[in-house]
Amino acid sequence: MQRIRKYFLHLMLLSGVLFCQEAFSQNSSTSPYSRYGIGDLLFSGFAKNLGMGGIGQGLNQGLYLNPINPASYSSLWLTTYEAGIQLSTAELATKQLSQNVNTAALGYFAFGFPVKTQKWGMGFGLLPYSNVGYSVEEYKSENLLIPENHTFKGSGGLNQFYLTNGFALTKNFSAGLTASYLFGVINQDRRVEFFDAAYFNTNISNANSLGWFHFNLGLQYTFDSLRIAPSDSIRSFNEKIKTDKDSLKKLDVIIATQTDGEDKSQMLIQRSTLDSTILANLSARDLVKIRSAKSNWNLNFGLTFAPASNLRGRQSVLAYNFRYVDPTKRDQVVIRDTIQNTSGVKGEVHLPVSAGFGFSMTKGNRWLFGADFSLQQWSDYTYFGQSDSLVDSWKVSVGGQFTPNDRSIKSYWKQVQYRAGIHYAKSFLDLNGEHLEEMGASLGLGFPVRRAGTTAHLSAEFGKRGTLQNNLIEEKYFRLTIGFTLNDRWFIKPKYD
């Protein structure tokens, strides 16, 4: 078992190192819509969340990390490590043509541990925040004397390194805070070409380096009203066990004063019988508790709030007029004059306020169901003092999980976690009179590897964004996320030597 656990640990640590290297050169987006704002905003949860439509506001499970709501870290039982990768394919289409694109990226890694079990938990991690990756050409000739060809290219994105603390303020109420440092570089190029030798072509290149702190507050509350009080059966077993233990103590005192003989032998037999009765009642009581726990529904509400923040940035701009050395080739240019050449100009990117709330209902380890709603005020967004015509966005997610029997010995497939979910969103893009929407459905599986203290997660998401109307682009995508959760008892002081 130790060898298996060590193997998974080394594998996950390696994935974390690789992700750290990849984070500074990420470009896993191929969407023309990543041209706007700070790019495609990425989901902040893990493979388990993705398999359930992206829910997480009300999730509070002690064996899994949930970065969506920092208050959930208060419930951690064991030291936990999470890592994942994502593969995706998408079809980009207009009314005239379509194109297929494929990407692969290291998705996330995170680490969490209980400072005080189910009272105070901490964690940190690194995951992408946004991605920029596009290359779009637009030919214009209508109402123009000279036709023009516009080329837009972009790459880069933002990553976030975060530190989370979650505290149980009371038995039912917990709060948490995530402090993130967002950082990255966004490169954008725009080229205008004229199909007339009398006109100069123009190229404008922007390189924007960004970084600063961002915070997220979380609250969770568990309602006990759905929990059934100890049954009469449990009370009865407790009374019997207490009575038998008292009788056992009295009998031990009498036996200690007896000399060897028939009376003492009878007392020893009586003691053995009494001891067996106590053990049988303890086992029966525990079985009743387990069955009772699995029949109880727990309801957990969650709320998060992220205040607005201003990322500090430095912008470099190079703009120039040029001509091609050979008009039939576009790889060699002659710069005729420089329009602008600035480097390291300070500025800010204003990220708007966001909030979310949701709930989850669980029935033991068998059933889980939840829903989330979130919104962001992107109409307040500015980029180095300029607005980007963005609008407020919102998203709703619904999902759940079913585990037939997590302790099954006869069938491994009864231990597997089966997940499903859907989501619908109105994005921050309003283009050509269309407020872009996104919708999707997901399926997921959780494969326990108990000897290694590990769960392997697999989630598949099918979705659509955009429209073919009003000269826009429709994206149909499929994303496959593979994740791992490793649990161990690091940093937890044993009760017994």
Protein backbone atom coordinates (compact mmCIF):
# COMPACT_ATOMS: atom_id res chain seq x y z
CA MET A 1 0.00 0.00 0.00
CA GLN A 2 2.82 2.41 0.84
CA ARG A 3 4.45 1.71 -2.53
CA ILE A 4 1.20 2.44 -4.39
CA ARG A 5 0.67 5.63 -2.40
CA LYS A 6 4.23 6.76 -3.05
CA TYR A 7 3.77 6.13 -6.78
CA PHE A 8 0.66 8.31 -6.94
CA LEU A 9 2.32 10.99 -4.84
CA HIS A 10 5.33 11.18 -7.15
CA LEU A 11 3.05 11.28 -10.18
CA MET A 12 1.02 14.16 -8.78
CA LEU A 13 4.03 16.15 -7.62
CA LEU A 14 5.49 15.79 -11.11
CA SER A 15 2.26 17.09 -12.61
CA GLY A 16 2.42 20.08 -10.27
CA VAL A 17 5.98 20.92 -11.34
CA LEU A 18 5.05 20.59 -15.00
CA PHE A 19 2.05 22.84 -14.47
CA CYS A 20 4.23 25.49 -12.83
CA GLN A 21 6.43 25.50 -15.93
CA GLU A 22 3.45 25.52 -18.29
CA ALA A 23 1.63 28.27 -16.40
CA PHE A 24 3.99 30.92 -17.66
CA SER A 25 3.53 29.99 -21.32
CA GLN A 26 -0.04 28.76 -21.43
CA ASN A 27 -2.17 29.16 -24.53
CA SER A 28 -4.89 26.55 -24.39
CA SER A 29 -7.59 28.75 -25.93
CA THR A 30 -8.45 28.79 -29.62
CA SER A 31 -11.57 30.91 -29.37
CA PRO A 32 -12.03 34.15 -31.35
CA TYR A 33 -14.07 35.38 -28.39
CA SER A 34 -10.94 35.34 -26.19
CA ARG A 35 -10.07 38.59 -27.98
CA TYR A 36 -12.29 40.51 -25.55
CA GLY A 37 -11.68 41.45 -21.93
CA ILE A 38 -8.87 39.44 -20.35
CA GLY A 39 -9.73 36.41 -22.48
CA ASP A 40 -11.76 33.29 -21.83
CA LEU A 41 -12.52 33.06 -18.11
CA LEU A 42 -11.78 29.56 -16.84
CA PHE A 43 -13.66 27.46 -14.31
CA SER A 44 -12.11 27.64 -10.83
CA GLY A 45 -13.18 24.16 -9.71
CA PHE A 46 -11.76 20.69 -10.29
CA ALA A 47 -12.71 17.56 -12.25
CA LYS A 48 -15.20 16.47 -9.58
CA ASN A 49 -17.08 19.79 -9.86
CA LEU A 50 -16.99 19.75 -13.66
CA GLY A 51 -18.64 16.33 -13.73
CA MET A 52 -21.63 17.81 -11.88
CA GLY A 53 -22.19 20.82 -14.12
CA GLY A 54 -19.77 23.03 -12.19
CA ILE A 55 -21.54 23.18 -8.81
CA GLY A 56 -19.49 23.97 -5.70
CA GLN A 57 -20.99 26.80 -3.64
CA GLY A 58 -22.66 24.42 -1.19
CA LEU A 59 -20.27 21.45 -1.38
CA ASN A 60 -18.63 20.64 1.93
CA GLN A 61 -16.88 17.26 1.76
CA GLY A 62 -13.94 16.52 4.00
CA LEU A 63 -11.99 14.33 1.55
CA TYR A 64 -11.99 16.71 -1.44
CA LEU A 65 -10.80 20.27 -2.02
CA ASN A 66 -13.37 22.78 -3.22
CA PRO A 67 -11.74 26.10 -4.22
CA ILE A 68 -15.08 27.53 -5.37
CA ASN A 69 -16.04 28.27 -1.74
CA PRO A 70 -13.14 28.76 0.72
CA ALA A 71 -15.43 28.06 3.70
CA SER A 72 -15.46 24.38 2.67
CA TYR A 73 -11.81 23.99 3.78
CA SER A 74 -13.00 24.02 7.41
CA SER A 75 -14.35 20.49 6.94
CA LEU A 76 -11.09 18.85 5.80
CA TRP A 77 -10.39 15.48 7.44
CA LEU A 78 -7.09 14.55 5.82
CA THR A 79 -4.22 16.12 3.94
CA THR A 80 -5.40 16.28 0.33
CA TYR A 81 -3.67 16.81 -2.99
CA GLU A 82 -5.50 17.51 -6.28
CA ALA A 83 -4.14 17.63 -9.84
CA GLY A 84 -5.68 17.51 -13.29
CA ILE A 85 -5.24 17.92 -17.03
CA GLN A 86 -7.72 18.95 -19.72
CA LEU A 87 -8.11 17.94 -23.36
CA SER A 88 -10.54 19.74 -25.64
CA THR A 89 -11.73 19.87 -29.21
CA ALA A 90 -13.96 22.51 -30.76
CA GLU A 91 -15.71 23.30 -34.01
CA LEU A 92 -15.71 27.00 -34.92
CA ALA A 93 -18.32 27.83 -37.54
CA THR A 94 -19.84 30.71 -39.45
CA LYS A 95 -22.57 30.49 -42.07
CA GLN A 96 -19.88 30.13 -44.75
CA LEU A 97 -17.20 27.85 -43.26
CA SER A 98 -16.08 25.84 -40.24
CA GLN A 99 -12.82 24.76 -38.62
CA ASN A 100 -11.87 22.15 -36.01
CA VAL A 101 -9.23 22.88 -33.36
CA ASN A 102 -7.71 20.73 -30.60
CA THR A 103 -5.90 21.75 -27.42
CA ALA A 104 -4.33 20.08 -24.40
CA ALA A 105 -3.31 21.77 -21.16
CA LEU A 106 -2.31 21.00 -17.59
CA GLY A 107 -5.37 22.07 -15.68
CA TYR A 108 -4.58 22.61 -11.98
CA PHE A 109 -2.85 21.44 -8.86
CA ALA A 110 -3.77 22.15 -5.27
CA PHE A 111 -2.86 21.09 -1.74
CA GLY A 112 -4.88 21.31 1.46
CA PHE A 113 -4.65 20.05 5.03
CA PRO A 114 -6.54 20.33 8.33
CA VAL A 115 -4.81 22.50 10.91
CA LYS A 116 -7.47 21.28 13.32
CA THR A 117 -9.63 18.50 11.94
CA GLN A 118 -13.04 19.77 10.79
CA LYS A 119 -12.37 23.08 12.55
CA TRP A 120 -9.68 24.89 10.57
CA GLY A 121 -8.29 23.99 7.16
CA MET A 122 -5.69 25.59 4.91
CA GLY A 123 -4.70 25.12 1.29
CA PHE A 124 -2.88 26.58 -1.69
CA GLY A 125 -2.79 25.92 -5.40
CA LEU A 126 -2.08 27.12 -8.90
CA LEU A 127 -4.59 27.15 -11.73
CA PRO A 128 -5.30 29.18 -14.88
CA TYR A 129 -7.61 32.18 -14.54
CA SER A 130 -8.03 33.22 -18.19
CA ASN A 131 -6.75 32.20 -21.61
CA VAL A 132 -6.16 34.24 -24.76
CA GLY A 133 -5.62 32.46 -28.06
CA TYR A 134 -7.06 33.57 -31.39
CA SER A 135 -6.17 34.33 -35.00
CA VAL A 136 -8.90 35.99 -37.05
CA GLU A 137 -8.85 37.51 -40.53
CA GLU A 138 -11.55 39.86 -41.77
CA TYR A 139 -11.76 41.05 -45.38
CA LYS A 140 -13.53 44.37 -45.96
CA SER A 141 -14.48 45.79 -49.33
CA GLU A 142 -18.03 47.06 -49.05
CA ASN A 143 -18.27 50.87 -49.34
CA LEU A 144 -14.46 51.13 -49.54
CA LEU A 145 -12.40 52.46 -52.43
CA ILE A 146 -9.52 50.16 -51.52
CA PRO A 147 -10.24 46.67 -50.06
CA GLU A 148 -8.70 45.99 -46.65
CA ASN A 149 -7.66 42.81 -44.85
CA HIS A 150 -7.69 42.96 -41.03
CA THR A 151 -5.79 40.32 -39.02
CA PHE A 152 -6.22 39.95 -35.26
CA LYS A 153 -3.95 37.67 -33.20
CA GLY A 154 -3.67 37.11 -29.47
CA SER A 155 -1.95 34.81 -26.98
CA GLY A 156 -1.23 34.45 -23.27
CA GLY A 157 -3.54 34.75 -20.31
CA LEU A 158 -3.60 35.01 -16.54
CA ASN A 159 -2.83 32.42 -13.85
CA GLN A 160 -3.66 32.51 -10.17
CA PHE A 161 -1.71 31.28 -7.18
CA TYR A 162 -4.01 31.18 -4.17
CA LEU A 163 -3.89 30.64 -0.41
CA THR A 164 -7.09 29.59 1.35
CA ASN A 165 -8.19 29.43 4.99
CA GLY A 166 -11.51 28.01 6.18
CA PHE A 167 -12.82 28.16 9.77
CA ALA A 168 -15.75 26.47 11.55
CA LEU A 169 -17.15 29.37 13.60
CA THR A 170 -19.89 27.19 15.11
CA LYS A 171 -21.05 23.60 14.68
CA ASN A 172 -23.10 24.58 11.63
CA PHE A 173 -21.52 27.81 10.35
CA SER A 174 -18.17 28.22 8.60
CA ALA A 175 -16.34 31.05 6.85
CA GLY A 176 -13.32 31.25 4.60
CA LEU A 177 -11.05 33.60 2.69
CA THR A 178 -9.01 33.01 -0.46
CA ALA A 179 -6.20 35.42 -1.30
CA SER A 180 -5.05 35.01 -4.90
CA TYR A 181 -2.22 36.58 -6.82
CA LEU A 182 -3.16 36.93 -10.49
CA PHE A 183 -0.29 37.21 -12.96
CA GLY A 184 0.44 36.77 -16.64
CA VAL A 185 1.09 38.39 -20.01
CA ILE A 186 -1.46 39.11 -22.74
CA ASN A 187 -0.15 39.72 -26.26
CA GLN A 188 -2.35 41.25 -28.94
CA ASP A 189 -1.53 42.10 -32.55
CA ARG A 190 -3.59 43.89 -35.17
CA ARG A 191 -2.57 44.22 -38.81
CA VAL A 192 -4.30 46.19 -41.58
CA GLU A 193 -3.29 45.44 -45.16
CA PHE A 194 -4.32 47.42 -48.24
CA PHE A 195 -4.52 45.88 -51.67
CA ASP A 196 -2.89 48.87 -53.31
CA ALA A 197 0.83 49.61 -53.49
CA ALA A 198 0.15 53.30 -52.94
CA TYR A 199 -0.96 52.64 -49.36
CA PHE A 200 1.14 51.62 -46.40
CA ASN A 201 0.12 48.62 -44.33
CA THR A 202 -0.11 49.07 -40.55
CA ASN A 203 0.81 46.77 -37.65
CA ILE A 204 0.08 47.41 -33.95
CA SER A 205 1.52 45.06 -31.29
CA ASN A 206 0.57 45.23 -27.59
CA ALA A 207 2.30 43.30 -24.80
CA ASN A 208 0.61 43.70 -21.41
CA SER A 209 2.15 42.31 -18.23
CA LEU A 210 -0.35 42.10 -15.36
CA GLY A 211 -0.27 41.12 -11.71
CA TRP A 212 -1.92 41.88 -8.38
CA PHE A 213 -4.03 40.46 -5.57
CA HIS A 214 -7.63 39.28 -5.76
CA PHE A 215 -9.82 38.09 -2.87
CA ASN A 216 -12.80 35.79 -2.45
CA LEU A 217 -14.90 35.49 0.73
CA GLY A 218 -17.04 32.43 1.44
CA LEU A 219 -19.72 31.34 3.91
CA GLN A 220 -21.44 27.99 4.43
CA TYR A 221 -24.25 26.95 6.74
CA THR A 222 -25.53 23.42 7.42
CA PHE A 223 -29.13 22.97 8.52
CA ASP A 224 -29.65 20.32 11.19
CA SER A 225 -33.39 20.25 10.60
CA LEU A 226 -32.92 17.44 8.08
CA ARG A 227 -30.87 15.36 10.48
CA ILE A 228 -32.82 12.78 12.51
CA ALA A 229 -32.13 12.74 16.24
CA PRO A 230 -30.72 9.54 17.79
CA SER A 231 -33.36 6.84 17.47
CA ASP A 232 -34.96 4.91 20.33
CA SER A 233 -32.93 1.88 19.22
CA ILE A 234 -29.66 3.71 19.77
CA ARG A 235 -30.80 4.99 23.17
CA SER A 236 -31.80 1.46 24.16
CA PHE A 237 -28.42 0.06 23.11
CA ASN A 238 -26.62 2.82 25.04
CA GLU A 239 -28.56 1.99 28.20
CA LYS A 240 -27.85 -1.76 27.87
CA ILE A 241 -24.16 -1.16 27.24
CA LYS A 242 -23.88 1.16 30.26
CA THR A 243 -25.68 -1.34 32.53
CA ASP A 244 -23.52 -4.25 31.35
CA LYS A 245 -20.30 -2.25 31.78
CA ASP A 246 -21.30 -1.35 35.36
CA SER A 247 -22.03 -5.01 36.07
CA LEU A 248 -18.68 -5.98 34.55
CA LYS A 249 -16.81 -3.58 36.84
CA LYS A 250 -18.59 -4.95 39.94
CA LEU A 251 -17.88 -8.52 38.84
CA ASP A 252 -14.17 -7.75 38.33
CA VAL A 253 -13.98 -6.46 41.92
CA ILE A 254 -15.56 -9.67 43.27
CA ILE A 255 -13.35 -11.93 41.12
CA ALA A 256 -10.24 -10.17 42.41
CA THR A 257 -11.13 -11.19 45.99
CA GLN A 258 -11.92 -14.83 45.18
CA THR A 259 -9.49 -17.72 45.50
CA ASP A 260 -9.30 -20.41 42.86
CA GLY A 261 -12.26 -22.73 42.96
CA GLU A 262 -15.60 -23.58 41.41
CA ASP A 263 -17.17 -20.22 42.36
CA LYS A 264 -14.38 -18.26 40.71
CA SER A 265 -14.60 -20.40 37.56
CA GLN A 266 -18.33 -19.70 37.31
CA MET A 267 -17.69 -15.98 37.74
CA LEU A 268 -15.07 -16.02 34.96
CA ILE A 269 -17.55 -17.72 32.64
CA GLN A 270 -20.15 -15.12 33.60
CA ARG A 271 -17.63 -12.34 32.90
CA SER A 272 -16.81 -13.76 29.47
CA THR A 273 -20.50 -13.95 28.58
CA LEU A 274 -21.06 -10.38 29.77
CA ASP A 275 -18.07 -9.14 27.77
CA SER A 276 -19.38 -10.83 24.61
CA THR A 277 -22.80 -9.26 25.17
CA ILE A 278 -21.24 -5.78 25.41
CA LEU A 279 -19.29 -6.29 22.17
CA ALA A 280 -22.41 -7.56 20.39
CA ASN A 281 -24.44 -4.55 21.55
CA LEU A 282 -21.67 -2.16 20.47
CA SER A 283 -21.62 -3.69 16.98
CA ALA A 284 -25.40 -3.61 16.72
CA ARG A 285 -25.51 0.03 17.84
CA ASP A 286 -22.83 1.03 15.30
CA LEU A 287 -24.76 -0.70 12.54
CA VAL A 288 -27.90 1.24 13.48
CA LYS A 289 -25.88 4.48 13.42
CA ILE A 290 -24.49 3.74 9.96
CA ARG A 291 -27.91 2.92 8.56
CA SER A 292 -29.37 6.00 10.21
CA ALA A 293 -26.62 8.25 8.80
CA LYS A 294 -27.14 6.89 5.30
CA SER A 295 -30.86 7.64 5.50
CA ASN A 296 -30.42 11.26 6.63
CA TRP A 297 -30.52 14.20 4.24
CA ASN A 298 -28.15 17.08 5.01
CA LEU A 299 -28.70 20.53 3.51
CA ASN A 300 -25.78 22.91 3.07
CA PHE A 301 -25.98 26.50 1.77
CA GLY A 302 -23.01 28.44 0.40
CA LEU A 303 -22.32 32.05 -0.50
CA THR A 304 -19.24 33.73 -2.01
CA PHE A 305 -18.33 37.34 -2.71
CA ALA A 306 -15.29 38.68 -4.56
CA PRO A 307 -14.81 42.46 -4.33
CA ALA A 308 -13.56 44.42 -7.31
CA SER A 309 -9.80 44.59 -7.74
CA ASN A 310 -7.33 46.56 -9.85
CA LEU A 311 -4.54 44.56 -11.44
CA ARG A 312 -1.35 46.53 -11.90
CA GLY A 313 0.11 46.37 -15.37
CA ARG A 314 2.82 47.52 -17.72
CA GLN A 315 2.02 48.00 -21.38
CA SER A 316 4.40 48.03 -24.32
CA VAL A 317 3.16 49.19 -27.73
CA LEU A 318 4.89 49.06 -31.10
CA ALA A 319 3.01 50.49 -34.09
CA TYR A 320 4.51 50.97 -37.54
CA ASN A 321 3.77 51.27 -41.24
CA PHE A 322 5.30 48.70 -43.55
CA ARG A 323 5.40 47.13 -46.98
CA TYR A 324 6.11 43.58 -48.02
CA VAL A 325 9.42 42.85 -49.73
CA ASP A 326 7.52 40.51 -52.03
CA PRO A 327 3.74 41.15 -52.25
CA THR A 328 3.20 37.44 -52.91
CA LYS A 329 4.91 36.53 -49.62
CA ARG A 330 4.04 37.78 -46.14
CA ASP A 331 7.09 36.68 -44.17
CA GLN A 332 9.39 39.63 -44.97
CA VAL A 333 8.48 43.27 -44.39
CA VAL A 334 10.18 46.64 -44.70
CA ILE A 335 9.27 49.11 -41.95
CA ARG A 336 8.75 52.55 -43.45
CA ASP A 337 8.16 54.55 -40.27
CA THR A 338 7.36 53.98 -36.61
CA ILE A 339 4.09 55.43 -35.36
CA GLN A 340 4.50 54.53 -31.67
CA ASN A 341 7.14 52.75 -29.62
CA THR A 342 6.53 52.79 -25.87
CA SER A 343 7.67 50.33 -23.22
CA GLY A 344 6.63 49.68 -19.61
CA VAL A 345 3.82 52.24 -19.44
CA LYS A 346 2.03 51.74 -16.11
CA GLY A 347 -1.71 51.18 -15.98
CA GLU A 348 -4.48 49.18 -14.35
CA VAL A 349 -7.03 46.56 -15.31
CA HIS A 350 -10.23 46.83 -13.29
CA LEU A 351 -11.80 43.44 -12.51
CA PRO A 352 -15.44 43.79 -11.43
CA VAL A 353 -17.24 42.56 -8.35
CA SER A 354 -18.69 39.04 -8.48
CA ALA A 355 -20.93 36.94 -6.24
CA GLY A 356 -22.40 33.47 -6.12
CA PHE A 357 -24.66 31.31 -3.99
CA GLY A 358 -25.90 27.74 -4.03
CA PHE A 359 -26.83 24.67 -2.05
CA SER A 360 -26.14 20.96 -1.85
CA MET A 361 -28.17 18.10 -0.40
CA THR A 362 -26.49 14.84 0.61
CA LYS A 363 -27.82 11.52 1.82
CA GLY A 364 -24.92 9.75 3.49
CA ASN A 365 -22.33 8.83 0.88
CA ARG A 366 -24.98 7.67 -1.58
CA TRP A 367 -26.73 10.74 -2.99
CA LEU A 368 -25.60 14.30 -3.67
CA PHE A 369 -27.54 17.05 -5.46
CA GLY A 370 -26.84 20.77 -5.79
CA ALA A 371 -27.33 24.00 -7.72
CA ASP A 372 -25.32 27.23 -8.09
CA PHE A 373 -25.96 30.74 -9.38
CA SER A 374 -23.25 33.34 -9.98
CA LEU A 375 -23.00 36.79 -11.53
CA GLN A 376 -20.29 39.33 -12.43
CA GLN A 377 -20.59 43.05 -13.12
CA TRP A 378 -18.46 43.21 -16.27
CA SER A 379 -20.07 46.49 -17.35
CA ASP A 380 -17.58 48.14 -14.92
CA TYR A 381 -14.53 46.52 -16.56
CA THR A 382 -11.72 48.75 -17.86
CA TYR A 383 -8.39 47.87 -19.50
CA PHE A 384 -5.67 50.49 -19.09
CA GLY A 385 -8.35 53.14 -18.78
CA GLN A 386 -10.41 51.93 -21.74
CA SER A 387 -13.76 50.15 -21.56
CA ASP A 388 -14.36 47.09 -23.73
CA SER A 389 -18.13 47.27 -24.23
CA LEU A 390 -18.67 44.29 -21.95
CA VAL A 391 -21.96 43.56 -20.18
CA ASP A 392 -22.90 41.90 -16.91
CA SER A 393 -22.84 38.09 -16.97
CA TRP A 394 -24.53 35.31 -15.02
CA LYS A 395 -24.48 31.51 -14.85
CA VAL A 396 -26.64 28.77 -13.35
CA SER A 397 -25.45 25.18 -12.76
CA VAL A 398 -27.30 22.07 -11.59
CA GLY A 399 -25.78 18.66 -10.92
CA GLY A 400 -25.43 15.65 -8.70
CA GLN A 401 -23.68 12.40 -7.84
CA PHE A 402 -24.78 8.85 -7.07
CA THR A 403 -22.68 6.13 -5.40
CA PRO A 404 -24.45 2.74 -5.21
CA ASN A 405 -22.38 1.38 -2.30
CA ASP A 406 -19.03 2.95 -1.45
CA ARG A 407 -18.13 -0.04 0.79
CA SER A 408 -19.13 -2.80 -1.58
CA ILE A 409 -16.79 -5.80 -1.61
CA LYS A 410 -18.50 -7.88 -4.28
CA SER A 411 -18.64 -5.23 -7.03
CA TYR A 412 -16.11 -2.46 -7.68
CA TRP A 413 -18.59 -0.64 -9.95
CA LYS A 414 -20.86 -0.11 -6.95
CA GLN A 415 -18.05 1.91 -5.36
CA VAL A 416 -17.72 4.19 -8.40
CA GLN A 417 -19.17 7.72 -8.16
CA TYR A 418 -21.51 8.56 -11.06
CA ARG A 419 -21.99 12.27 -11.82
CA ALA A 420 -24.03 14.44 -14.18
CA GLY A 421 -24.90 18.11 -14.55
CA ILE A 422 -25.94 20.97 -16.82
CA HIS A 423 -25.20 24.69 -16.99
CA TYR A 424 -26.50 27.77 -18.78
CA ALA A 425 -24.86 31.19 -18.91
CA LYS A 426 -25.13 34.64 -20.41
CA SER A 427 -21.55 35.76 -21.09
CA PHE A 428 -20.03 39.24 -20.80
CA LEU A 429 -20.12 39.61 -24.61
CA ASP A 430 -22.81 41.56 -26.45
CA LEU A 431 -21.79 41.64 -30.11
CA ASN A 432 -23.81 42.88 -33.08
CA GLY A 433 -26.90 43.06 -30.90
CA GLU A 434 -26.52 39.48 -29.63
CA HIS A 435 -25.94 38.79 -25.92
CA LEU A 436 -23.88 35.62 -26.29
CA GLU A 437 -25.07 32.59 -24.37
CA GLU A 438 -23.38 29.34 -23.42
CA MET A 439 -24.96 26.04 -22.48
CA GLY A 440 -23.58 22.61 -21.76
CA ALA A 441 -24.03 19.20 -20.16
CA SER A 442 -21.49 17.05 -18.38
CA LEU A 443 -20.97 13.48 -17.21
CA GLY A 444 -18.40 12.31 -14.70
CA LEU A 445 -16.98 9.29 -12.93
CA GLY A 446 -14.97 8.91 -9.74
CA PHE A 447 -12.84 5.76 -9.47
CA PRO A 448 -11.65 5.01 -5.91
CA VAL A 449 -8.22 3.42 -5.43
CA ARG A 450 -8.58 2.74 -1.72
CA ARG A 451 -5.26 1.02 -1.12
CA ALA A 452 -3.55 4.16 -2.40
CA GLY A 453 -5.94 6.61 -0.70
CA THR A 454 -6.66 8.00 -4.15
CA THR A 455 -9.66 8.81 -6.34
CA ALA A 456 -9.29 9.20 -10.11
CA HIS A 457 -11.83 11.57 -11.69
CA LEU A 458 -13.01 11.68 -15.29
CA SER A 459 -15.41 14.35 -16.56
CA ALA A 460 -16.71 14.97 -20.08
CA GLU A 461 -18.42 18.22 -21.02
CA PHE A 462 -20.37 18.99 -24.20
CA GLY A 463 -21.30 22.59 -24.87
CA LYS A 464 -22.07 25.42 -27.26
CA ARG A 465 -21.30 29.13 -27.22
CA GLY A 466 -22.22 31.89 -29.64
CA THR A 467 -24.50 31.92 -32.65
CA LEU A 468 -24.47 31.88 -36.45
CA GLN A 469 -26.70 34.94 -36.56
CA ASN A 470 -25.50 38.52 -37.27
CA ASN A 471 -22.11 37.46 -38.70
CA LEU A 472 -21.00 35.85 -35.45
CA ILE A 473 -19.21 32.58 -34.71
CA GLU A 474 -20.70 29.48 -33.12
CA GLU A 475 -18.45 27.26 -31.02
CA LYS A 476 -19.31 23.65 -30.26
CA TYR A 477 -16.86 22.04 -27.87
CA PHE A 478 -16.03 18.82 -26.06
CA ARG A 479 -13.76 18.91 -23.00
CA LEU A 480 -12.29 15.94 -21.21
CA THR A 481 -10.83 16.55 -17.75
CA ILE A 482 -8.77 13.93 -15.92
CA GLY A 483 -8.06 14.56 -12.25
CA PHE A 484 -6.65 12.83 -9.18
CA THR A 485 -7.32 13.24 -5.47
CA LEU A 486 -4.80 11.86 -2.98
CA ASN A 487 -5.62 11.65 0.74
CA ASP A 488 -3.12 10.98 3.53
CA ARG A 489 -2.55 11.73 7.20
CA TRP A 490 0.37 14.16 6.84
CA PHE A 491 0.60 16.79 9.60
CA ILE A 492 -2.09 15.02 11.65
CA LYS A 493 -0.83 14.06 15.12
CA PRO A 494 -1.83 10.48 16.03
CA LYS A 495 -3.89 9.99 19.19
CA TYR A 496 -1.96 6.85 20.14
CA ASP A 497 1.69 5.93 19.78
